[in-house]
PDB file of N, CA and C in Angstrom:
ATOM      1  N   MET A   1       0.837  -1.173   0.000  1.00  0.00           N
ATOM      2  CA  MET A   1       0.000   0.000   0.000  1.00  0.00           C
ATOM      3  C   MET A   1       0.882   1.235   0.000  1.00  0.00           C
ATOM      4  N   THR A   2       0.450   2.248  -0.717  1.00  0.00           N
ATOM      5  CA  THR A   2       1.231   3.472  -0.808  1.00  0.00           C
ATOM      6  C   THR A   2       0.374   4.662  -0.424  1.00  0.00           C
ATOM      7  N   CYS A   3       0.905   5.513   0.429  1.00  0.00           N
ATOM      8  CA  CYS A   3       0.243   6.769   0.770  1.00  0.00           C
ATOM      9  C   CYS A   3       1.151   7.896   0.352  1.00  0.00           C
ATOM     10  N   CYS A   4       0.632   8.793  -0.374  1.00  0.00           N
ATOM     11  CA  CYS A   4       1.433   9.920  -0.836  1.00  0.00           C
ATOM     12  C   CYS A   4       1.026  11.159  -0.060  1.00  0.00           C
ATOM     13  N   PHE A   5       2.002  12.034   0.208  1.00  0.00           N
ATOM     14  CA  PHE A   5       1.738  13.185   1.057  1.00  0.00           C
ATOM     15  C   PHE A   5       2.809  14.214   0.809  1.00  0.00           C
ATOM     16  N   TRP A   6       2.438  15.339   0.255  1.00  0.00           N
ATOM     17  CA  TRP A   6       3.439  16.358   0.002  1.00  0.00           C
ATOM     18  C   TRP A   6       2.774  17.694  -0.224  1.00  0.00           C
ATOM     19  N   ARG A   7       3.551  18.690  -0.454  1.00  0.00           N
ATOM     20  CA  ARG A   7       3.196  20.022  -0.889  1.00  0.00           C
ATOM     21  C   ARG A   7       3.512  21.080   0.149  1.00  0.00           C
ATOM     22  N   ARG A   8       3.819  22.214  -0.366  1.00  0.00           N
ATOM     23  CA  ARG A   8       4.009  23.413   0.446  1.00  0.00           C
ATOM     24  C   ARG A   8       2.979  24.395  -0.076  1.00  0.00           C
ATOM     25  N   ILE A   9       2.046  24.795   0.767  1.00  0.00           N
ATOM     26  CA  ILE A   9       0.918  25.604   0.332  1.00  0.00           C
ATOM     27  C   ILE A   9       0.893  26.899   1.131  1.00  0.00           C
ATOM     28  N   SER A  10       0.744  28.026   0.456  1.00  0.00           N
ATOM     29  CA  SER A  10       0.714  29.321   1.132  1.00  0.00           C
ATOM     30  C   SER A  10      -0.701  29.882   1.161  1.00  0.00           C
ATOM     31  N   TYR A  11      -1.104  30.409   2.303  1.00  0.00           N
ATOM     32  CA  TYR A  11      -2.384  31.082   2.470  1.00  0.00           C
ATOM     33  C   TYR A  11      -2.081  32.488   2.973  1.00  0.00           C
ATOM     34  N   GLY A  12      -1.993  33.443   2.049  1.00  0.00           N
ATOM     35  CA  GLY A  12      -1.632  34.787   2.446  1.00  0.00           C
ATOM     36  C   GLY A  12      -0.256  34.770   3.066  1.00  0.00           C
ATOM     37  N   GLU A  13      -0.175  35.166   4.325  1.00  0.00           N
ATOM     38  CA  GLU A  13       1.107  35.206   5.013  1.00  0.00           C
ATOM     39  C   GLU A  13       1.403  33.911   5.775  1.00  0.00           C
ATOM     40  N   VAL A  14       0.497  32.946   5.689  1.00  0.00           N
ATOM     41  CA  VAL A  14       0.688  31.686   6.407  1.00  0.00           C
ATOM     42  C   VAL A  14       1.139  30.604   5.433  1.00  0.00           C
ATOM     43  N   THR A  15       2.233  29.942   5.751  1.00  0.00           N
ATOM     44  CA  THR A  15       2.717  28.831   4.934  1.00  0.00           C
ATOM     45  C   THR A  15       2.656  27.546   5.745  1.00  0.00           C
ATOM     46  N   LEU A  16       2.068  26.512   5.152  1.00  0.00           N
ATOM     47  CA  LEU A  16       2.016  25.198   5.778  1.00  0.00           C
ATOM     48  C   LEU A  16       3.001  24.281   5.068  1.00  0.00           C
ATOM     49  N   THR A  17       3.811  23.589   5.840  1.00  0.00           N
ATOM     50  CA  THR A  17       4.776  22.651   5.278  1.00  0.00           C
ATOM     51  C   THR A  17       4.475  21.256   5.804  1.00  0.00           C
ATOM     52  N   GLN A  18       4.199  20.333   4.895  1.00  0.00           N
ATOM     53  CA  GLN A  18       3.835  18.972   5.257  1.00  0.00           C
ATOM     54  C   GLN A  18       5.005  18.015   5.046  1.00  0.00           C
ATOM     55  N   THR A  19       5.160  17.094   5.967  1.00  0.00           N
ATOM     56  CA  THR A  19       6.161  16.035   5.818  1.00  0.00           C
ATOM     57  C   THR A  19       5.583  14.733   6.371  1.00  0.00           C
ATOM     58  N   PRO A  20       6.013  13.566   5.871  1.00  0.00           N
ATOM     59  CA  PRO A  20       6.968  13.421   4.776  1.00  0.00           C
ATOM     60  C   PRO A  20       6.302  13.683   3.432  1.00  0.00           C
ATOM     61  N   GLU A  21       7.100  13.778   2.390  1.00  0.00           N
ATOM     62  CA  GLU A  21       6.539  13.988   1.063  1.00  0.00           C
ATOM     63  C   GLU A  21       5.904  12.710   0.524  1.00  0.00           C
ATOM     64  N   TYR A  22       6.407  11.577   0.966  1.00  0.00           N
ATOM     65  CA  TYR A  22       5.933  10.287   0.470  1.00  0.00           C
ATOM     66  C   TYR A  22       6.077   9.262   1.588  1.00  0.00           C
ATOM     67  N   MET A  23       5.099   8.376   1.676  1.00  0.00           N
ATOM     68  CA  MET A  23       5.176   7.337   2.700  1.00  0.00           C
ATOM     69  C   MET A  23       4.615   6.036   2.147  1.00  0.00           C
ATOM     70  N   SER A  24       5.296   4.953   2.402  1.00  0.00           N
ATOM     71  CA  SER A  24       4.817   3.627   2.033  1.00  0.00           C
ATOM     72  C   SER A  24       4.667   2.819   3.317  1.00  0.00           C
ATOM     73  N   VAL A  25       3.461   2.303   3.542  1.00  0.00           N
ATOM     74  CA  VAL A  25       3.194   1.550   4.764  1.00  0.00           C
ATOM     75  C   VAL A  25       2.470   0.257   4.422  1.00  0.00           C
ATOM     76  N   SER A  26       2.434  -0.644   5.368  1.00  0.00           N
ATOM     77  CA  SER A  26       1.725  -1.912   5.222  1.00  0.00           C
ATOM     78  C   SER A  26       0.483  -1.906   6.102  1.00  0.00           C
ATOM     79  N   PRO A  27      -0.536  -2.679   5.724  1.00  0.00           N
ATOM     80  CA  PRO A  27      -1.731  -2.766   6.574  1.00  0.00           C
ATOM     81  C   PRO A  27      -1.361  -3.119   8.011  1.00  0.00           C
ATOM     82  N   GLY A  28      -1.989  -2.407   8.935  1.00  0.00           N
ATOM     83  CA  GLY A  28      -1.713  -2.609  10.354  1.00  0.00           C
ATOM     84  C   GLY A  28      -0.691  -1.654  10.928  1.00  0.00           C
ATOM     85  N   ASP A  29       0.089  -1.010  10.052  1.00  0.00           N
ATOM     86  CA  ASP A  29       1.088  -0.040  10.504  1.00  0.00           C
ATOM     87  C   ASP A  29       0.427   1.235  11.017  1.00  0.00           C
ATOM     88  N   THR A  30       1.217   2.071  11.647  1.00  0.00           N
ATOM     89  CA  THR A  30       0.796   3.417  12.036  1.00  0.00           C
ATOM     90  C   THR A  30       1.489   4.417  11.123  1.00  0.00           C
ATOM     91  N   ALA A  31       0.709   5.313  10.550  1.00  0.00           N
ATOM     92  CA  ALA A  31       1.243   6.366   9.678  1.00  0.00           C
ATOM     93  C   ALA A  31       1.118   7.702  10.397  1.00  0.00           C
ATOM     94  N   THR A  32       2.182   8.472  10.405  1.00  0.00           N
ATOM     95  CA  THR A  32       2.189   9.771  11.080  1.00  0.00           C
ATOM     96  C   THR A  32       2.649  10.845  10.112  1.00  0.00           C
ATOM     97  N   PHE A  33       1.833  11.878   9.956  1.00  0.00           N
ATOM     98  CA  PHE A  33       2.121  12.996   9.070  1.00  0.00           C
ATOM     99  C   PHE A  33       2.227  14.278   9.887  1.00  0.00           C
ATOM    100  N   SER A  34       3.118  15.144   9.476  1.00  0.00           N
ATOM    101  CA  SER A  34       3.364  16.401  10.186  1.00  0.00           C
ATOM    102  C   SER A  34       2.968  17.588   9.321  1.00  0.00           C
ATOM    103  N   CYS A  35       2.451  18.617   9.968  1.00  0.00           N
ATOM    104  CA  CYS A  35       2.117  19.869   9.293  1.00  0.00           C
ATOM    105  C   CYS A  35       2.622  21.009  10.171  1.00  0.00           C
ATOM    106  N   LYS A  36       3.532  21.793   9.635  1.00  0.00           N
ATOM    107  CA  LYS A  36       4.091  22.923  10.380  1.00  0.00           C
ATOM    108  C   LYS A  36       3.635  24.228   9.739  1.00  0.00           C
ATOM    109  N   SER A  37       3.173  25.128  10.571  1.00  0.00           N
ATOM    110  CA  SER A  37       2.706  26.427  10.106  1.00  0.00           C
ATOM    111  C   SER A  37       3.771  27.492  10.368  1.00  0.00           C
ATOM    112  N   SER A  38       3.845  28.455   9.468  1.00  0.00           N
ATOM    113  CA  SER A  38       4.823  29.535   9.633  1.00  0.00           C
ATOM    114  C   SER A  38       4.438  30.484  10.758  1.00  0.00           C
ATOM    115  N   GLN A  39       3.194  30.404  11.215  1.00  0.00           N
ATOM    116  CA  GLN A  39       2.755  31.218  12.345  1.00  0.00           C
ATOM    117  C   GLN A  39       1.612  30.514  13.067  1.00  0.00           C
ATOM    118  N   ARG A  40       1.343  30.966  14.277  1.00  0.00           N
ATOM    119  CA  ARG A  40       0.269  30.393  15.095  1.00  0.00           C
ATOM    120  C   ARG A  40      -1.059  30.550  14.359  1.00  0.00           C
ATOM    121  N   ILE A  41      -1.846  29.479  14.299  1.00  0.00           N
ATOM    122  CA  ILE A  41      -3.112  29.535  13.565  1.00  0.00           C
ATOM    123  C   ILE A  41      -4.289  29.271  14.509  1.00  0.00           C
ATOM    124  N   TYR A  42      -4.324  30.051  15.567  1.00  0.00           N
ATOM    125  CA  TYR A  42      -5.399  29.991  16.553  1.00  0.00           C
ATOM    126  C   TYR A  42      -6.378  31.111  16.252  1.00  0.00           C
ATOM    127  N   TYR A  43      -7.662  30.776  16.191  1.00  0.00           N
ATOM    128  CA  TYR A  43      -8.681  31.785  15.911  1.00  0.00           C
ATOM    129  C   TYR A  43      -9.545  31.977  17.150  1.00  0.00           C
ATOM    130  N   SER A  44      -9.481  33.159  17.728  1.00  0.00           N
ATOM    131  CA  SER A  44     -10.200  33.418  18.978  1.00  0.00           C
ATOM    132  C   SER A  44     -11.708  33.389  18.788  1.00  0.00           C
ATOM    133  N   GLY A  45     -12.180  33.608  17.560  1.00  0.00           N
ATOM    134  CA  GLY A  45     -13.620  33.595  17.299  1.00  0.00           C
ATOM    135  C   GLY A  45     -14.270  32.253  17.587  1.00  0.00           C
ATOM    136  N   VAL A  46     -13.508  31.195  17.460  1.00  0.00           N
ATOM    137  CA  VAL A  46     -14.022  29.857  17.766  1.00  0.00           C
ATOM    138  C   VAL A  46     -13.230  29.195  18.892  1.00  0.00           C
ATOM    139  N   SER A  47     -12.265  29.932  19.437  1.00  0.00           N
ATOM    140  CA  SER A  47     -11.399  29.430  20.512  1.00  0.00           C
ATOM    141  C   SER A  47     -10.780  28.080  20.154  1.00  0.00           C
ATOM    142  N   GLN A  48     -10.301  27.978  18.929  1.00  0.00           N
ATOM    143  CA  GLN A  48      -9.729  26.729  18.445  1.00  0.00           C
ATOM    144  C   GLN A  48      -8.590  27.011  17.470  1.00  0.00           C
ATOM    145  N   TYR A  49      -7.739  26.022  17.306  1.00  0.00           N
ATOM    146  CA  TYR A  49      -6.757  26.079  16.221  1.00  0.00           C
ATOM    147  C   TYR A  49      -7.488  25.738  14.930  1.00  0.00           C
ATOM    148  N   VAL A  50      -7.247  26.502  13.890  1.00  0.00           N
ATOM    149  CA  VAL A  50      -7.986  26.324  12.640  1.00  0.00           C
ATOM    150  C   VAL A  50      -7.147  25.515  11.650  1.00  0.00           C
ATOM    151  N   LEU A  51      -6.856  24.298  12.029  1.00  0.00           N
ATOM    152  CA  LEU A  51      -6.052  23.387  11.212  1.00  0.00           C
ATOM    153  C   LEU A  51      -6.892  22.152  10.919  1.00  0.00           C
ATOM    154  N   SER A  52      -7.033  21.830   9.635  1.00  0.00           N
ATOM    155  CA  SER A  52      -7.822  20.676   9.209  1.00  0.00           C
ATOM    156  C   SER A  52      -6.967  19.717   8.395  1.00  0.00           C
ATOM    157  N   TRP A  53      -7.392  18.467   8.373  1.00  0.00           N
ATOM    158  CA  TRP A  53      -6.737  17.436   7.568  1.00  0.00           C
ATOM    159  C   TRP A  53      -7.742  16.832   6.604  1.00  0.00           C
ATOM    160  N   TYR A  54      -7.286  16.577   5.379  1.00  0.00           N
ATOM    161  CA  TYR A  54      -8.127  15.986   4.346  1.00  0.00           C
ATOM    162  C   TYR A  54      -7.452  14.768   3.742  1.00  0.00           C
ATOM    163  N   GLN A  55      -8.277  13.859   3.273  1.00  0.00           N
ATOM    164  CA  GLN A  55      -7.816  12.728   2.471  1.00  0.00           C
ATOM    165  C   GLN A  55      -8.415  12.897   1.075  1.00  0.00           C
ATOM    166  N   GLN A  56      -7.619  12.646   0.052  1.00  0.00           N
ATOM    167  CA  GLN A  56      -8.141  12.705  -1.312  1.00  0.00           C
ATOM    168  C   GLN A  56      -7.668  11.493  -2.099  1.00  0.00           C
ATOM    169  N   LYS A  57      -8.610  10.902  -2.828  1.00  0.00           N
ATOM    170  CA  LYS A  57      -8.301   9.786  -3.711  1.00  0.00           C
ATOM    171  C   LYS A  57      -8.496  10.241  -5.149  1.00  0.00           C
ATOM    172  N   PRO A  58      -7.779   9.634  -6.089  1.00  0.00           N
ATOM    173  CA  PRO A  58      -7.871  10.058  -7.491  1.00  0.00           C
ATOM    174  C   PRO A  58      -9.316  10.100  -7.985  1.00  0.00           C
ATOM    175  N   GLY A  59      -9.675  11.215  -8.624  1.00  0.00           N
ATOM    176  CA  GLY A  59     -11.009  11.373  -9.186  1.00  0.00           C
ATOM    177  C   GLY A  59     -12.087  11.704  -8.185  1.00  0.00           C
ATOM    178  N   GLN A  60     -11.715  11.923  -6.922  1.00  0.00           N
ATOM    179  CA  GLN A  60     -12.694  12.232  -5.887  1.00  0.00           C
ATOM    180  C   GLN A  60     -12.359  13.561  -5.221  1.00  0.00           C
ATOM    181  N   PRO A  61     -13.374  14.237  -4.668  1.00  0.00           N
ATOM    182  CA  PRO A  61     -13.092  15.476  -3.932  1.00  0.00           C
ATOM    183  C   PRO A  61     -12.424  15.156  -2.601  1.00  0.00           C
ATOM    184  N   PRO A  62     -11.751  16.131  -2.008  1.00  0.00           N
ATOM    185  CA  PRO A  62     -11.139  15.908  -0.692  1.00  0.00           C
ATOM    186  C   PRO A  62     -12.197  15.567   0.361  1.00  0.00           C
ATOM    187  N   LYS A  63     -11.826  14.724   1.295  1.00  0.00           N
ATOM    188  CA  LYS A  63     -12.711  14.314   2.388  1.00  0.00           C
ATOM    189  C   LYS A  63     -12.140  14.839   3.699  1.00  0.00           C
ATOM    190  N   LEU A  64     -12.965  15.559   4.450  1.00  0.00           N
ATOM    191  CA  LEU A  64     -12.529  16.114   5.730  1.00  0.00           C
ATOM    192  C   LEU A  64     -12.361  14.997   6.758  1.00  0.00           C
ATOM    193  N   LEU A  65     -11.155  14.894   7.313  1.00  0.00           N
ATOM    194  CA  LEU A  65     -10.857  13.883   8.330  1.00  0.00           C
ATOM    195  C   LEU A  65     -10.850  14.454   9.737  1.00  0.00           C
ATOM    196  N   ILE A  66     -10.273  15.653   9.867  1.00  0.00           N
ATOM    197  CA  ILE A  66     -10.057  16.286  11.171  1.00  0.00           C
ATOM    198  C   ILE A  66     -10.245  17.788  11.008  1.00  0.00           C
ATOM    199  N   TYR A  67     -10.908  18.427  11.963  1.00  0.00           N
ATOM    200  CA  TYR A  67     -10.967  19.891  11.969  1.00  0.00           C
ATOM    201  C   TYR A  67     -10.637  20.398  13.373  1.00  0.00           C
ATOM    202  N   HIS A  68     -10.292  21.678  13.456  1.00  0.00           N
ATOM    203  CA  HIS A  68      -9.838  22.278  14.720  1.00  0.00           C
ATOM    204  C   HIS A  68      -8.730  21.436  15.359  1.00  0.00           C
ATOM    205  N   ALA A  69      -7.844  20.939  14.517  1.00  0.00           N
ATOM    206  CA  ALA A  69      -6.626  20.216  14.915  1.00  0.00           C
ATOM    207  C   ALA A  69      -6.850  18.784  15.393  1.00  0.00           C
ATOM    208  N   TRP A  70      -7.943  18.524  16.107  1.00  0.00           N
ATOM    209  CA  TRP A  70      -8.115  17.170  16.662  1.00  0.00           C
ATOM    210  C   TRP A  70      -9.546  16.648  16.668  1.00  0.00           C
ATOM    211  N   ILE A  71     -10.506  17.385  16.106  1.00  0.00           N
ATOM    212  CA  ILE A  71     -11.907  16.938  16.132  1.00  0.00           C
ATOM    213  C   ILE A  71     -12.234  16.136  14.873  1.00  0.00           C
ATOM    214  N   ARG A  72     -12.785  14.941  15.078  1.00  0.00           N
ATOM    215  CA  ARG A  72     -13.189  14.067  13.976  1.00  0.00           C
ATOM    216  C   ARG A  72     -14.656  14.291  13.649  1.00  0.00           C
ATOM    217  N   PRO A  73     -14.996  14.577  12.384  1.00  0.00           N
ATOM    218  CA  PRO A  73     -16.410  14.673  12.012  1.00  0.00           C
ATOM    219  C   PRO A  73     -17.103  13.316  12.165  1.00  0.00           C
ATOM    220  N   SER A  74     -18.403  13.344  12.272  1.00  0.00           N
ATOM    221  CA  SER A  74     -19.181  12.114  12.358  1.00  0.00           C
ATOM    222  C   SER A  74     -18.893  11.233  11.143  1.00  0.00           C
ATOM    223  N   GLY A  75     -18.702   9.958  11.384  1.00  0.00           N
ATOM    224  CA  GLY A  75     -18.481   9.022  10.292  1.00  0.00           C
ATOM    225  C   GLY A  75     -17.028   8.745   9.969  1.00  0.00           C
ATOM    226  N   ILE A  76     -16.119   9.530  10.543  1.00  0.00           N
ATOM    227  CA  ILE A  76     -14.687   9.298  10.320  1.00  0.00           C
ATOM    228  C   ILE A  76     -14.200   8.275  11.347  1.00  0.00           C
ATOM    229  N   PRO A  77     -13.572   7.191  10.893  1.00  0.00           N
ATOM    230  CA  PRO A  77     -13.137   6.137  11.825  1.00  0.00           C
ATOM    231  C   PRO A  77     -12.161   6.644  12.884  1.00  0.00           C
ATOM    232  N   ALA A  78     -12.208   6.016  14.044  1.00  0.00           N
ATOM    233  CA  ALA A  78     -11.365   6.424  15.172  1.00  0.00           C
ATOM    234  C   ALA A  78      -9.883   6.192  14.917  1.00  0.00           C
ATOM    235  N   ARG A  79      -9.540   5.431  13.884  1.00  0.00           N
ATOM    236  CA  ARG A  79      -8.112   5.220  13.599  1.00  0.00           C
ATOM    237  C   ARG A  79      -7.435   6.499  13.109  1.00  0.00           C
ATOM    238  N   PHE A  80      -8.238   7.491  12.693  1.00  0.00           N
ATOM    239  CA  PHE A  80      -7.699   8.796  12.313  1.00  0.00           C
ATOM    240  C   PHE A  80      -7.729   9.712  13.530  1.00  0.00           C
ATOM    241  N   SER A  81      -6.602  10.279  13.878  1.00  0.00           N
ATOM    242  CA  SER A  81      -6.569  11.208  15.008  1.00  0.00           C
ATOM    243  C   SER A  81      -5.644  12.376  14.706  1.00  0.00           C
ATOM    244  N   GLY A  82      -5.997  13.521  15.244  1.00  0.00           N
ATOM    245  CA  GLY A  82      -5.191  14.723  15.072  1.00  0.00           C
ATOM    246  C   GLY A  82      -4.698  15.225  16.411  1.00  0.00           C
ATOM    247  N   SER A  83      -3.552  15.879  16.395  1.00  0.00           N
ATOM    248  CA  SER A  83      -2.999  16.452  17.618  1.00  0.00           C
ATOM    249  C   SER A  83      -2.126  17.642  17.250  1.00  0.00           C
ATOM    250  N   GLY A  84      -1.679  18.347  18.284  1.00  0.00           N
ATOM    251  CA  GLY A  84      -0.774  19.468  18.071  1.00  0.00           C
ATOM    252  C   GLY A  84      -1.333  20.780  18.582  1.00  0.00           C
ATOM    253  N   TYR A  85      -0.482  21.801  18.562  1.00  0.00           N
ATOM    254  CA  TYR A  85      -0.876  23.136  18.991  1.00  0.00           C
ATOM    255  C   TYR A  85       0.139  24.143  18.472  1.00  0.00           C
ATOM    256  N   GLU A  86      -0.239  25.411  18.583  1.00  0.00           N
ATOM    257  CA  GLU A  86       0.605  26.525  18.135  1.00  0.00           C
ATOM    258  C   GLU A  86       0.927  26.435  16.645  1.00  0.00           C
ATOM    259  N   THR A  87       2.057  25.832  16.292  1.00  0.00           N
ATOM    260  CA  THR A  87       2.453  25.772  14.878  1.00  0.00           C
ATOM    261  C   THR A  87       2.736  24.354  14.385  1.00  0.00           C
ATOM    262  N   ASP A  88       2.709  23.372  15.267  1.00  0.00           N
ATOM    263  CA  ASP A  88       3.072  22.001  14.898  1.00  0.00           C
ATOM    264  C   ASP A  88       1.893  21.051  15.107  1.00  0.00           C
ATOM    265  N   PHE A  89       1.478  20.400  14.019  1.00  0.00           N
ATOM    266  CA  PHE A  89       0.300  19.541  14.067  1.00  0.00           C
ATOM    267  C   PHE A  89       0.607  18.187  13.435  1.00  0.00           C
ATOM    268  N   THR A  90      -0.142  17.181  13.863  1.00  0.00           N
ATOM    269  CA  THR A  90       0.110  15.816  13.416  1.00  0.00           C
ATOM    270  C   THR A  90      -1.197  15.103  13.102  1.00  0.00           C
ATOM    271  N   LEU A  91      -1.190  14.351  12.014  1.00  0.00           N
ATOM    272  CA  LEU A  91      -2.266  13.410  11.703  1.00  0.00           C
ATOM    273  C   LEU A  91      -1.694  12.010  11.879  1.00  0.00           C
ATOM    274  N   THR A  92      -2.385  11.188  12.650  1.00  0.00           N
ATOM    275  CA  THR A  92      -1.954   9.809  12.863  1.00  0.00           C
ATOM    276  C   THR A  92      -3.050   8.862  12.396  1.00  0.00           C
ATOM    277  N   ILE A  93      -2.648   7.855  11.631  1.00  0.00           N
ATOM    278  CA  ILE A  93      -3.562   6.783  11.230  1.00  0.00           C
ATOM    279  C   ILE A  93      -3.051   5.519  11.911  1.00  0.00           C
ATOM    280  N   THR A  94      -3.824   5.022  12.850  1.00  0.00           N
ATOM    281  CA  THR A  94      -3.432   3.840  13.616  1.00  0.00           C
ATOM    282  C   THR A  94      -4.109   2.605  13.032  1.00  0.00           C
ATOM    283  N   GLY A  95      -3.328   1.595  12.715  1.00  0.00           N
ATOM    284  CA  GLY A  95      -3.892   0.393  12.108  1.00  0.00           C
ATOM    285  C   GLY A  95      -4.351   0.658  10.688  1.00  0.00           C
ATOM    286  N   VAL A  96      -3.424   1.112   9.866  1.00  0.00           N
ATOM    287  CA  VAL A  96      -3.720   1.454   8.470  1.00  0.00           C
ATOM    288  C   VAL A  96      -4.370   0.267   7.750  1.00  0.00           C
ATOM    289  N   ILE A  97      -5.372   0.579   6.908  1.00  0.00           N
ATOM    290  CA  ILE A  97      -5.981  -0.435   6.049  1.00  0.00           C
ATOM    291  C   ILE A  97      -5.772  -0.036   4.593  1.00  0.00           C
ATOM    292  N   GLU A  98      -5.987  -0.973   3.688  1.00  0.00           N
ATOM    293  CA  GLU A  98      -5.746  -0.723   2.259  1.00  0.00           C
ATOM    294  C   GLU A  98      -6.508   0.507   1.760  1.00  0.00           C
ATOM    295  N   ASP A  99      -7.718   0.694   2.263  1.00  0.00           N
ATOM    296  CA  ASP A  99      -8.563   1.792   1.798  1.00  0.00           C
ATOM    297  C   ASP A  99      -8.026   3.167   2.191  1.00  0.00           C
ATOM    298  N   ASP A 100      -7.023   3.219   3.038  1.00  0.00           N
ATOM    299  CA  ASP A 100      -6.448   4.502   3.451  1.00  0.00           C
ATOM    300  C   ASP A 100      -5.468   5.066   2.425  1.00  0.00           C
ATOM    301  N   ALA A 101      -5.158   4.317   1.381  1.00  0.00           N
ATOM    302  CA  ALA A 101      -4.230   4.804   0.356  1.00  0.00           C
ATOM    303  C   ALA A 101      -4.784   6.074  -0.280  1.00  0.00           C
ATOM    304  N   GLY A 102      -3.951   7.082  -0.443  1.00  0.00           N
ATOM    305  CA  GLY A 102      -4.383   8.333  -1.053  1.00  0.00           C
ATOM    306  C   GLY A 102      -3.452   9.469  -0.706  1.00  0.00           C
ATOM    307  N   TYR A 103      -3.918  10.670  -0.983  1.00  0.00           N
ATOM    308  CA  TYR A 103      -3.174  11.887  -0.689  1.00  0.00           C
ATOM    309  C   TYR A 103      -3.757  12.509   0.573  1.00  0.00           C
ATOM    310  N   TYR A 104      -2.898  13.046   1.417  1.00  0.00           N
ATOM    311  CA  TYR A 104      -3.321  13.667   2.664  1.00  0.00           C
ATOM    312  C   TYR A 104      -2.817  15.102   2.709  1.00  0.00           C
ATOM    313  N   TYR A 105      -3.723  16.017   3.065  1.00  0.00           N
ATOM    314  CA  TYR A 105      -3.403  17.440   3.066  1.00  0.00           C
ATOM    315  C   TYR A 105      -3.784  18.081   4.393  1.00  0.00           C
ATOM    316  N   CYS A 106      -3.001  19.037   4.827  1.00  0.00           N
ATOM    317  CA  CYS A 106      -3.439  19.897   5.927  1.00  0.00           C
ATOM    318  C   CYS A 106      -3.843  21.244   5.335  1.00  0.00           C
ATOM    319  N   GLN A 107      -4.736  21.923   6.033  1.00  0.00           N
ATOM    320  CA  GLN A 107      -5.231  23.223   5.583  1.00  0.00           C
ATOM    321  C   GLN A 107      -5.469  24.101   6.796  1.00  0.00           C
ATOM    322  N   GLN A 108      -5.136  25.358   6.684  1.00  0.00           N
ATOM    323  CA  GLN A 108      -5.484  26.287   7.757  1.00  0.00           C
ATOM    324  C   GLN A 108      -6.675  27.115   7.306  1.00  0.00           C
ATOM    325  N   GLY A 109      -7.530  27.423   8.254  1.00  0.00           N
ATOM    326  CA  GLY A 109      -8.737  28.179   7.946  1.00  0.00           C
ATOM    327  C   GLY A 109      -9.888  27.649   8.784  1.00  0.00           C
ATOM    328  N   ILE A 110     -10.999  28.325   8.750  1.00  0.00           N
ATOM    329  CA  ILE A 110     -12.162  27.905   9.527  1.00  0.00           C
ATOM    330  C   ILE A 110     -12.925  26.864   8.727  1.00  0.00           C
ATOM    331  N   VAL A 111     -13.037  25.672   9.279  1.00  0.00           N
ATOM    332  CA  VAL A 111     -13.748  24.582   8.617  1.00  0.00           C
ATOM    333  C   VAL A 111     -14.734  23.989   9.602  1.00  0.00           C
ATOM    334  N   LEU A 112     -15.986  23.906   9.209  1.00  0.00           N
ATOM    335  CA  LEU A 112     -17.006  23.299  10.049  1.00  0.00           C
ATOM    336  C   LEU A 112     -17.458  21.999   9.400  1.00  0.00           C
ATOM    337  N   PRO A 113     -17.862  20.997  10.160  1.00  0.00           N
ATOM    338  CA  PRO A 113     -18.320  19.755   9.539  1.00  0.00           C
ATOM    339  C   PRO A 113     -19.600  19.996   8.747  1.00  0.00           C
ATOM    340  N   LEU A 114     -19.684  19.381   7.581  1.00  0.00           N
ATOM    341  CA  LEU A 114     -20.865  19.528   6.752  1.00  0.00           C
ATOM    342  C   LEU A 114     -21.950  18.575   7.236  1.00  0.00           C
ATOM    343  N   THR A 115     -23.199  18.985   7.092  1.00  0.00           N
ATOM    344  CA  THR A 115     -24.316  18.112   7.448  1.00  0.00           C
ATOM    345  C   THR A 115     -25.064  17.733   6.177  1.00  0.00           C
ATOM    346  N   GLN A 116     -25.693  16.579   6.203  1.00  0.00           N
ATOM    347  CA  GLN A 116     -26.459  16.115   5.041  1.00  0.00           C
ATOM    348  C   GLN A 116     -27.920  16.003   5.401  1.00  0.00           C
TER     349      GLN A 116
END
């Protein structure tokens, strides 16, 4: 199984740097991704860090995995977890399964879970 993860993305004066650029893991492994911000991304309006994580598979739109640094939207498996504060954030996938293959992105900004 292969998980790809890369990019340096700028949002105005905020730059997010993700590592590693590429990761290959086996089912059952733990995958850990890092996202470093060039500045603190805490928004007092919601009293939260405004850092989100997405998963994207080819031909599909990005899927929200984590918002406000560590909150999982309804329906996201518990094997996905977020942590971190100030400028350093982490996405961890515990017990990786084949279906987790894809691209993973961090984003700064206000993101609320969508309802259907």
